[in-house]
Amino acid sequence: MTMKTQNLIAAGIISAGLTFGVTAQAKHEETQVEMKDLPAAVQTTIKDKAGSDQILRIEKETRKGKESYEAIVNKDGKETAIQVDASGKYLGTHDEKAEHQKAENAEKH
C-alpha cells in the first residue's frame, strides 16, 4: 500500500468517526424506529403526508424532554423529513441533509 492510499483510508475512518460523534453529541436524541411501533395517530399523519414518496427511515427524537417523530422520505431525489409530534400533529418538513450539515457546522465552530 502506498502512503497516499493509507492516508485516504485513515481520512475515511476519521470522517466516519466524526460523523457518528456529531450525531451522538447533538443536543437532542434520535433513535431509529419502525412504523409499526409508532402510535396510530403518528402513523396516519406520516402516511398521509408522505403520500407516494418512499419512506426511507423513521426517527424518534427527544428535544427538551418532548418526543416527536421524523419520517425521512425520498421526495424528488432529496431526503425530506416529515415532523410529527407524539399526538400525531403535523409539525412541518425540512431538508434532512441541510439539518445534519447545520449540526456538523455548529459542532466545528
C-alpha atoms as a PDB file:
ATOM      1  CA  MET A   1       0.000   0.000   0.000  1.00  0.00           C
ATOM      2  CA  THR A   2       1.250   3.453  -0.803  1.00  0.00           C
ATOM      3  CA  MET A   3       1.341   6.249   1.734  1.00  0.00           C
ATOM      4  CA  LYS A   4      -1.386   8.062  -0.226  1.00  0.00           C
ATOM      5  CA  THR A   5      -3.718   5.032  -0.003  1.00  0.00           C
ATOM      6  CA  GLN A   6      -3.062   4.708   3.736  1.00  0.00           C
ATOM      7  CA  ASN A   7      -3.825   8.398   4.243  1.00  0.00           C
ATOM      8  CA  LEU A   8      -7.078   8.096   2.281  1.00  0.00           C
ATOM      9  CA  ILE A   9      -8.156   5.105   4.348  1.00  0.00           C
ATOM     10  CA  ALA A  10      -7.251   6.905   7.584  1.00  0.00           C
ATOM     11  CA  ALA A  11      -9.153  10.008   6.434  1.00  0.00           C
ATOM     12  CA  GLY A  12     -12.196   7.862   5.639  1.00  0.00           C
ATOM     13  CA  ILE A  13     -12.131   6.240   9.062  1.00  0.00           C
ATOM     14  CA  ILE A  14     -11.717   9.610  10.798  1.00  0.00           C
ATOM     15  CA  SER A  15     -14.614  11.199   8.869  1.00  0.00           C
ATOM     16  CA  ALA A  16     -16.871   8.234   9.652  1.00  0.00           C
ATOM     17  CA  GLY A  17     -15.933   8.596  13.322  1.00  0.00           C
ATOM     18  CA  LEU A  18     -16.622  12.332  13.272  1.00  0.00           C
ATOM     19  CA  THR A  19     -19.994  11.812  11.604  1.00  0.00           C
ATOM     20  CA  PHE A  20     -21.080   9.365  14.299  1.00  0.00           C
ATOM     21  CA  GLY A  21     -19.577  11.557  17.016  1.00  0.00           C
ATOM     22  CA  VAL A  22     -21.551  14.601  15.883  1.00  0.00           C
ATOM     23  CA  THR A  23     -24.794  12.614  15.851  1.00  0.00           C
ATOM     24  CA  ALA A  24     -24.135  11.292  19.346  1.00  0.00           C
ATOM     25  CA  GLN A  25     -23.240  14.733  20.729  1.00  0.00           C
ATOM     26  CA  ALA A  26     -26.135  16.627  19.159  1.00  0.00           C
ATOM     27  CA  LYS A  27     -28.352  18.496  21.609  1.00  0.00           C
ATOM     28  CA  HIS A  28     -31.204  16.081  21.020  1.00  0.00           C
ATOM     29  CA  GLU A  29     -31.505  12.325  20.817  1.00  0.00           C
ATOM     30  CA  GLU A  30     -32.544  10.422  17.699  1.00  0.00           C
ATOM     31  CA  THR A  31     -33.427   6.742  17.677  1.00  0.00           C
ATOM     32  CA  GLN A  32     -34.412   4.825  14.565  1.00  0.00           C
ATOM     33  CA  VAL A  33     -37.830   3.169  14.958  1.00  0.00           C
ATOM     34  CA  GLU A  34     -40.231   1.046  12.895  1.00  0.00           C
ATOM     35  CA  MET A  35     -43.562   2.346  11.546  1.00  0.00           C
ATOM     36  CA  LYS A  36     -45.444  -0.448  13.377  1.00  0.00           C
ATOM     37  CA  ASP A  37     -44.045   0.768  16.720  1.00  0.00           C
ATOM     38  CA  LEU A  38     -45.456   4.296  16.348  1.00  0.00           C
ATOM     39  CA  PRO A  39     -48.717   5.493  17.904  1.00  0.00           C
ATOM     40  CA  ALA A  40     -51.622   5.080  15.447  1.00  0.00           C
ATOM     41  CA  ALA A  41     -52.160   8.852  15.074  1.00  0.00           C
ATOM     42  CA  VAL A  42     -48.470   9.334  14.201  1.00  0.00           C
ATOM     43  CA  GLN A  43     -48.616   6.541  11.597  1.00  0.00           C
ATOM     44  CA  THR A  44     -51.702   8.081   9.996  1.00  0.00           C
ATOM     45  CA  THR A  45     -50.142  11.558   9.732  1.00  0.00           C
ATOM     46  CA  ILE A  46     -46.853  10.217   8.341  1.00  0.00           C
ATOM     47  CA  LYS A  47     -48.611   8.065   5.719  1.00  0.00           C
ATOM     48  CA  ASP A  48     -50.880  10.980   4.784  1.00  0.00           C
ATOM     49  CA  LYS A  49     -48.005  13.479   4.393  1.00  0.00           C
ATOM     50  CA  ALA A  50     -45.639  11.006   2.683  1.00  0.00           C
ATOM     51  CA  GLY A  51     -48.239  10.111   0.069  1.00  0.00           C
ATOM     52  CA  SER A  52     -46.466   8.170  -2.682  1.00  0.00           C
ATOM     53  CA  ASP A  53     -42.971   9.220  -1.527  1.00  0.00           C
ATOM     54  CA  GLN A  54     -40.812   6.313  -0.321  1.00  0.00           C
ATOM     55  CA  ILE A  55     -40.225   6.330   3.463  1.00  0.00           C
ATOM     56  CA  LEU A  56     -36.508   5.671   3.965  1.00  0.00           C
ATOM     57  CA  ARG A  57     -36.456   5.595   7.772  1.00  0.00           C
ATOM     58  CA  ILE A  58     -38.272   6.888  10.830  1.00  0.00           C
ATOM     59  CA  GLU A  59     -36.555   8.522  13.785  1.00  0.00           C
ATOM     60  CA  LYS A  60     -37.909   9.175  17.246  1.00  0.00           C
ATOM     61  CA  GLU A  61     -36.468  12.394  18.638  1.00  0.00           C
ATOM     62  CA  THR A  62     -36.377  13.828  22.122  1.00  0.00           C
ATOM     63  CA  ARG A  63     -35.774  17.574  22.312  1.00  0.00           C
ATOM     64  CA  LYS A  64     -36.097  19.439  25.579  1.00  0.00           C
ATOM     65  CA  GLY A  65     -37.923  16.445  27.055  1.00  0.00           C
ATOM     66  CA  LYS A  66     -40.550  16.329  24.272  1.00  0.00           C
ATOM     67  CA  GLU A  67     -40.906  13.353  21.966  1.00  0.00           C
ATOM     68  CA  SER A  68     -41.539  13.750  18.266  1.00  0.00           C
ATOM     69  CA  TYR A  69     -41.042  11.667  15.149  1.00  0.00           C
ATOM     70  CA  GLU A  70     -39.386  12.312  11.803  1.00  0.00           C
ATOM     71  CA  ALA A  71     -40.151  10.235   8.749  1.00  0.00           C
ATOM     72  CA  ILE A  72     -37.360  10.674   6.218  1.00  0.00           C
ATOM     73  CA  VAL A  73     -38.799  10.317   2.719  1.00  0.00           C
ATOM     74  CA  ASN A  74     -37.279  10.378  -0.733  1.00  0.00           C
ATOM     75  CA  LYS A  75     -39.030  13.390  -2.287  1.00  0.00           C
ATOM     76  CA  ASP A  76     -37.847  14.218  -5.801  1.00  0.00           C
ATOM     77  CA  GLY A  77     -34.467  12.606  -5.092  1.00  0.00           C
ATOM     78  CA  LYS A  78     -33.924  14.580  -1.856  1.00  0.00           C
ATOM     79  CA  GLU A  79     -34.179  13.350   1.715  1.00  0.00           C
ATOM     80  CA  THR A  80     -37.013  15.299   3.305  1.00  0.00           C
ATOM     81  CA  ALA A  81     -38.023  14.889   6.952  1.00  0.00           C
ATOM     82  CA  ILE A  82     -41.715  14.993   7.886  1.00  0.00           C
ATOM     83  CA  GLN A  83     -42.009  16.041  11.532  1.00  0.00           C
ATOM     84  CA  VAL A  84     -44.909  14.819  13.670  1.00  0.00           C
ATOM     85  CA  ASP A  85     -45.390  15.196  17.424  1.00  0.00           C
ATOM     86  CA  ALA A  86     -46.289  12.280  19.716  1.00  0.00           C
ATOM     87  CA  SER A  87     -50.029  13.025  19.397  1.00  0.00           C
ATOM     88  CA  GLY A  88     -49.881  12.808  15.583  1.00  0.00           C
ATOM     89  CA  LYS A  89     -49.909  16.575  14.939  1.00  0.00           C
ATOM     90  CA  TYR A  90     -48.055  17.572  11.754  1.00  0.00           C
ATOM     91  CA  LEU A  91     -45.190  19.960  12.625  1.00  0.00           C
ATOM     92  CA  GLY A  92     -43.684  20.589   9.181  1.00  0.00           C
ATOM     93  CA  THR A  93     -40.941  19.365   6.876  1.00  0.00           C
ATOM     94  CA  HIS A  94     -37.278  20.199   6.318  1.00  0.00           C
ATOM     95  CA  ASP A  95     -34.368  19.113   4.172  1.00  0.00           C
ATOM     96  CA  GLU A  96     -32.716  16.327   6.201  1.00  0.00           C
ATOM     97  CA  LYS A  97     -29.239  16.792   4.689  1.00  0.00           C
ATOM     98  CA  ALA A  98     -29.305  20.538   5.440  1.00  0.00           C
ATOM     99  CA  GLU A  99     -30.207  19.850   9.095  1.00  0.00           C
ATOM    100  CA  HIS A 100     -27.326  17.417   9.529  1.00  0.00           C
ATOM    101  CA  GLN A 101     -24.972  19.817   7.741  1.00  0.00           C
ATOM    102  CA  LYS A 102     -26.030  22.602  10.135  1.00  0.00           C
ATOM    103  CA  ALA A 103     -25.432  20.344  13.147  1.00  0.00           C
ATOM    104  CA  GLU A 104     -21.958  19.429  11.859  1.00  0.00           C
ATOM    105  CA  ASN A 105     -21.078  23.072  11.214  1.00  0.00           C
ATOM    106  CA  ALA A 106     -22.282  24.085  14.690  1.00  0.00           C
ATOM    107  CA  GLU A 107     -20.034  21.428  16.253  1.00  0.00           C
ATOM    108  CA  LYS A 108     -16.965  22.701  14.353  1.00  0.00           C
ATOM    109  CA  HIS A 109     -17.294  26.362  15.457  1.00  0.00           C
END
